[in-house]
N, C-alpha and C. Protein backbone atom coordinates (compact mmCIF):
# COMPACT_ATOMS: atom_id res chain seq x y z
N MET A 1 109.21 89.83 115.30
CA MET A 1 110.55 90.42 115.34
C MET A 1 110.93 90.91 113.94
N SER A 2 111.50 92.07 113.88
CA SER A 2 111.86 92.67 112.61
C SER A 2 113.12 92.03 112.04
N ALA A 3 113.16 91.96 110.72
CA ALA A 3 114.34 91.43 110.04
C ALA A 3 115.36 92.55 109.80
N GLU A 4 114.98 93.78 110.12
CA GLU A 4 115.90 94.90 109.96
C GLU A 4 116.95 94.88 111.06
N VAL A 5 118.11 95.48 110.77
CA VAL A 5 119.19 95.55 111.74
C VAL A 5 119.39 97.01 112.13
N VAL A 6 119.39 97.28 113.43
CA VAL A 6 119.65 98.63 113.93
C VAL A 6 121.16 98.82 113.97
N ILE A 7 121.63 99.88 113.33
CA ILE A 7 123.06 100.11 113.17
C ILE A 7 123.52 101.30 114.00
N GLY A 8 124.69 101.14 114.58
CA GLY A 8 125.37 102.21 115.30
C GLY A 8 126.86 102.10 115.04
N ASN A 9 127.63 102.95 115.69
CA ASN A 9 129.08 102.91 115.51
C ASN A 9 129.67 101.54 115.87
N HIS A 10 129.04 100.87 116.83
CA HIS A 10 129.56 99.60 117.32
C HIS A 10 129.44 98.45 116.32
N ASN A 11 128.50 98.54 115.37
CA ASN A 11 128.31 97.41 114.46
C ASN A 11 128.25 97.79 112.97
N PHE A 12 128.51 99.04 112.63
CA PHE A 12 128.42 99.48 111.24
C PHE A 12 129.36 98.70 110.34
N LYS A 13 130.61 98.60 110.73
CA LYS A 13 131.59 97.92 109.88
C LYS A 13 131.18 96.46 109.64
N GLU A 14 130.85 95.75 110.70
CA GLU A 14 130.50 94.33 110.59
C GLU A 14 129.21 94.12 109.81
N GLU A 15 128.16 94.87 110.14
CA GLU A 15 126.84 94.64 109.56
C GLU A 15 126.65 95.22 108.16
N VAL A 16 127.39 96.28 107.84
CA VAL A 16 127.21 96.94 106.55
C VAL A 16 128.41 96.70 105.63
N LEU A 17 129.57 97.17 106.03
CA LEU A 17 130.74 97.10 105.16
C LEU A 17 131.23 95.67 104.92
N GLU A 18 131.09 94.80 105.91
CA GLU A 18 131.58 93.43 105.78
C GLU A 18 130.47 92.42 105.51
N SER A 19 129.28 92.89 105.20
CA SER A 19 128.14 92.01 104.96
C SER A 19 128.38 91.13 103.74
N GLN A 20 127.94 89.89 103.85
CA GLN A 20 128.04 88.94 102.74
C GLN A 20 126.91 89.12 101.73
N VAL A 21 125.88 89.86 102.09
CA VAL A 21 124.75 90.14 101.20
C VAL A 21 124.64 91.65 101.01
N PRO A 22 124.00 92.08 99.92
CA PRO A 22 123.80 93.53 99.73
C PRO A 22 123.02 94.14 100.90
N VAL A 23 123.34 95.38 101.21
CA VAL A 23 122.71 96.08 102.33
C VAL A 23 122.04 97.36 101.83
N ILE A 24 120.76 97.52 102.22
CA ILE A 24 120.09 98.81 102.02
C ILE A 24 120.24 99.54 103.34
N ALA A 25 121.06 100.58 103.36
CA ALA A 25 121.24 101.39 104.56
C ALA A 25 120.24 102.54 104.51
N ASP A 26 119.34 102.54 105.48
CA ASP A 26 118.29 103.56 105.57
C ASP A 26 118.70 104.60 106.60
N PHE A 27 119.07 105.78 106.13
CA PHE A 27 119.41 106.89 107.02
C PHE A 27 118.11 107.64 107.29
N TRP A 28 117.70 107.67 108.55
CA TRP A 28 116.39 108.17 108.92
C TRP A 28 116.45 108.88 110.27
N ALA A 29 115.32 109.46 110.68
CA ALA A 29 115.17 110.06 112.02
C ALA A 29 113.73 109.88 112.46
N GLU A 30 113.52 109.85 113.74
CA GLU A 30 112.18 109.63 114.32
C GLU A 30 111.20 110.72 113.90
N TRP A 31 111.66 111.95 113.76
CA TRP A 31 110.79 113.08 113.45
C TRP A 31 110.51 113.24 111.95
N CYS A 32 111.12 112.42 111.12
CA CYS A 32 111.03 112.55 109.66
C CYS A 32 109.81 111.82 109.11
N VAL A 33 108.82 112.58 108.63
CA VAL A 33 107.58 111.98 108.11
C VAL A 33 107.84 111.12 106.87
N PRO A 34 108.61 111.58 105.87
CA PRO A 34 108.88 110.71 104.73
C PRO A 34 109.61 109.41 105.13
N CYS A 35 110.44 109.48 106.16
CA CYS A 35 111.12 108.28 106.66
C CYS A 35 110.10 107.28 107.18
N LYS A 36 109.09 107.79 107.87
CA LYS A 36 108.04 106.92 108.41
C LYS A 36 107.20 106.32 107.29
N MET A 37 107.11 107.03 106.17
CA MET A 37 106.34 106.52 105.04
C MET A 37 107.01 105.30 104.40
N ILE A 38 108.33 105.32 104.29
CA ILE A 38 109.01 104.19 103.65
C ILE A 38 109.42 103.10 104.64
N GLY A 39 109.32 103.40 105.94
CA GLY A 39 109.69 102.42 106.96
C GLY A 39 109.01 101.07 106.81
N PRO A 40 107.67 101.04 106.67
CA PRO A 40 107.00 99.74 106.51
C PRO A 40 107.40 99.00 105.24
N VAL A 41 107.70 99.74 104.17
CA VAL A 41 108.14 99.12 102.92
C VAL A 41 109.48 98.43 103.13
N LEU A 42 110.39 99.11 103.81
CA LEU A 42 111.72 98.53 104.07
C LEU A 42 111.61 97.31 104.98
N GLU A 43 110.73 97.41 105.98
CA GLU A 43 110.54 96.27 106.89
C GLU A 43 110.02 95.05 106.12
N LYS A 44 109.08 95.28 105.23
CA LYS A 44 108.52 94.18 104.43
C LYS A 44 109.59 93.58 103.51
N LEU A 45 110.39 94.43 102.87
CA LEU A 45 111.46 93.93 102.01
C LEU A 45 112.48 93.12 102.81
N ALA A 46 112.79 93.59 104.02
CA ALA A 46 113.74 92.87 104.88
C ALA A 46 113.22 91.47 105.18
N GLU A 47 111.92 91.35 105.40
CA GLU A 47 111.32 90.05 105.69
C GLU A 47 111.28 89.17 104.45
N GLU A 48 110.84 89.74 103.33
CA GLU A 48 110.69 88.96 102.10
C GLU A 48 112.01 88.49 101.52
N TYR A 49 113.05 89.30 101.68
CA TYR A 49 114.36 88.98 101.10
C TYR A 49 115.38 88.55 102.17
N GLU A 50 114.89 88.11 103.32
CA GLU A 50 115.79 87.72 104.40
C GLU A 50 116.78 86.66 103.91
N GLY A 51 118.05 86.90 104.18
CA GLY A 51 119.11 86.01 103.73
C GLY A 51 119.69 86.42 102.38
N LYS A 52 118.96 87.26 101.64
CA LYS A 52 119.43 87.72 100.33
C LYS A 52 119.89 89.17 100.36
N ILE A 53 119.20 89.97 101.21
CA ILE A 53 119.61 91.37 101.44
C ILE A 53 119.48 91.65 102.93
N LYS A 54 120.06 92.75 103.32
CA LYS A 54 119.93 93.20 104.70
C LYS A 54 119.46 94.65 104.66
N VAL A 55 118.52 94.98 105.53
CA VAL A 55 118.08 96.37 105.67
C VAL A 55 118.65 96.89 106.99
N ALA A 56 119.48 97.91 106.88
CA ALA A 56 120.17 98.48 108.04
C ALA A 56 119.57 99.85 108.34
N LYS A 57 119.02 100.00 109.53
CA LYS A 57 118.40 101.27 109.95
C LYS A 57 119.44 102.10 110.71
N ILE A 58 119.74 103.30 110.19
CA ILE A 58 120.74 104.17 110.81
C ILE A 58 120.07 105.48 111.18
N ASN A 59 119.82 105.68 112.47
CA ASN A 59 119.20 106.90 112.95
C ASN A 59 120.26 108.01 112.94
N VAL A 60 120.03 109.05 112.13
CA VAL A 60 121.03 110.11 111.96
C VAL A 60 121.20 110.95 113.23
N ASP A 61 120.17 111.03 114.06
CA ASP A 61 120.29 111.79 115.30
C ASP A 61 121.19 111.07 116.30
N GLU A 62 121.19 109.76 116.27
CA GLU A 62 121.99 108.97 117.19
C GLU A 62 123.35 108.58 116.61
N ASN A 63 123.50 108.68 115.29
CA ASN A 63 124.72 108.25 114.62
C ASN A 63 125.19 109.29 113.61
N GLY A 64 125.36 110.50 114.10
CA GLY A 64 125.78 111.60 113.25
C GLY A 64 127.12 111.38 112.58
N GLU A 65 128.00 110.65 113.24
CA GLU A 65 129.33 110.39 112.68
C GLU A 65 129.22 109.55 111.40
N ILE A 66 128.37 108.53 111.43
CA ILE A 66 128.18 107.69 110.24
C ILE A 66 127.52 108.51 109.14
N ALA A 67 126.49 109.26 109.48
CA ALA A 67 125.79 110.09 108.50
C ALA A 67 126.75 111.09 107.86
N SER A 68 127.59 111.68 108.66
CA SER A 68 128.57 112.64 108.16
C SER A 68 129.59 111.97 107.23
N GLN A 69 130.00 110.78 107.58
CA GLN A 69 130.98 110.03 106.79
C GLN A 69 130.48 109.83 105.35
N PHE A 70 129.15 109.69 105.19
CA PHE A 70 128.58 109.45 103.87
C PHE A 70 127.84 110.67 103.32
N ASN A 71 128.13 111.84 103.90
CA ASN A 71 127.58 113.12 103.43
C ASN A 71 126.06 113.11 103.34
N ILE A 72 125.41 112.56 104.35
CA ILE A 72 123.95 112.52 104.38
C ILE A 72 123.46 113.89 104.86
N VAL A 73 122.81 114.62 103.96
CA VAL A 73 122.31 115.95 104.31
C VAL A 73 120.79 116.04 104.21
N SER A 74 120.18 115.02 103.63
CA SER A 74 118.73 114.97 103.49
C SER A 74 118.27 113.55 103.81
N ILE A 75 117.15 113.45 104.51
CA ILE A 75 116.63 112.12 104.83
C ILE A 75 115.17 112.03 104.41
N PRO A 76 114.70 110.86 104.09
CA PRO A 76 115.46 109.61 104.10
C PRO A 76 116.44 109.53 102.94
N THR A 77 117.58 108.91 103.20
CA THR A 77 118.54 108.57 102.16
C THR A 77 118.78 107.08 102.26
N LEU A 78 118.69 106.41 101.13
CA LEU A 78 118.98 104.98 101.05
C LEU A 78 120.27 104.79 100.28
N LEU A 79 121.20 104.06 100.87
CA LEU A 79 122.43 103.69 100.19
C LEU A 79 122.46 102.17 100.09
N VAL A 80 122.77 101.66 98.91
CA VAL A 80 122.93 100.22 98.76
C VAL A 80 124.42 99.93 98.75
N PHE A 81 124.84 99.07 99.68
CA PHE A 81 126.23 98.65 99.77
C PHE A 81 126.35 97.23 99.25
N LYS A 82 127.37 97.00 98.43
CA LYS A 82 127.70 95.66 97.95
C LYS A 82 129.21 95.50 98.11
N ASP A 83 129.62 94.49 98.83
CA ASP A 83 131.05 94.25 99.09
C ASP A 83 131.74 95.48 99.67
N GLY A 84 131.04 96.19 100.55
CA GLY A 84 131.61 97.33 101.26
C GLY A 84 131.61 98.65 100.51
N SER A 85 131.09 98.65 99.28
CA SER A 85 131.07 99.88 98.48
C SER A 85 129.63 100.29 98.18
N ILE A 86 129.43 101.60 98.05
CA ILE A 86 128.11 102.12 97.69
C ILE A 86 127.90 101.89 96.19
N VAL A 87 126.80 101.22 95.84
CA VAL A 87 126.50 100.96 94.44
C VAL A 87 125.24 101.70 93.96
N LYS A 88 124.40 102.14 94.88
CA LYS A 88 123.19 102.89 94.55
C LYS A 88 122.88 103.88 95.65
N LYS A 89 122.23 104.99 95.26
CA LYS A 89 121.83 106.01 96.23
C LYS A 89 120.47 106.56 95.83
N GLN A 90 119.60 106.72 96.81
CA GLN A 90 118.28 107.30 96.57
C GLN A 90 117.96 108.25 97.72
N ILE A 91 117.60 109.47 97.40
CA ILE A 91 117.22 110.45 98.42
C ILE A 91 115.72 110.68 98.31
N GLY A 92 115.06 110.67 99.45
CA GLY A 92 113.64 110.93 99.49
C GLY A 92 112.81 109.67 99.54
N ALA A 93 111.53 109.84 99.86
CA ALA A 93 110.60 108.72 99.93
C ALA A 93 110.20 108.34 98.51
N VAL A 94 110.36 107.06 98.21
CA VAL A 94 110.01 106.55 96.89
C VAL A 94 109.17 105.29 97.04
N PRO A 95 108.43 104.90 96.00
CA PRO A 95 107.61 103.69 96.09
C PRO A 95 108.44 102.41 96.19
N ARG A 96 107.77 101.35 96.62
CA ARG A 96 108.42 100.06 96.82
C ARG A 96 109.20 99.59 95.58
N HIS A 97 108.60 99.71 94.39
CA HIS A 97 109.26 99.17 93.20
C HIS A 97 110.60 99.85 92.93
N ILE A 98 110.74 101.11 93.31
CA ILE A 98 112.02 101.82 93.14
C ILE A 98 113.04 101.24 94.13
N ILE A 99 112.65 101.09 95.39
CA ILE A 99 113.56 100.55 96.41
C ILE A 99 113.96 99.12 96.05
N GLU A 100 112.99 98.32 95.66
CA GLU A 100 113.25 96.93 95.29
C GLU A 100 114.20 96.86 94.09
N GLY A 101 113.99 97.75 93.13
CA GLY A 101 114.84 97.81 91.95
C GLY A 101 116.28 98.18 92.26
N MET A 102 116.49 98.89 93.36
CA MET A 102 117.86 99.26 93.74
C MET A 102 118.73 98.06 94.05
N VAL A 103 118.13 96.97 94.52
CA VAL A 103 118.92 95.81 94.93
C VAL A 103 118.77 94.60 94.02
N LYS A 104 117.81 94.62 93.12
CA LYS A 104 117.52 93.46 92.26
C LYS A 104 118.77 92.94 91.52
N ASP A 105 119.60 93.85 91.02
CA ASP A 105 120.78 93.44 90.25
C ASP A 105 121.88 92.83 91.12
N TYR A 106 121.75 92.93 92.43
CA TYR A 106 122.83 92.50 93.33
C TYR A 106 122.50 91.27 94.14
N ILE A 107 121.31 90.70 93.93
CA ILE A 107 120.94 89.50 94.68
C ILE A 107 120.83 88.29 93.77
């Protein structure tokens, strides 16, 4: 079972904005090749840092309202939320050490 959380309009506020731990919100789509490249990295980080961070998967095709709210125009886009606010942003597929570095200061 994956440690990642699938996010939609029904649970975005609770799982992301009200999270007690930092959240890496992954804005992605099924057809996006770079998204598929970083998917396994995010899954591994979710498992390794379980309880310390949360990885939230937000499919932009199914959750356009959320993507629009955060001006997501290119995917993959990673947003790190801490206490309900965006503290880091990364657009595009990047190596694990970059993604891991995005949350290191917040855990």
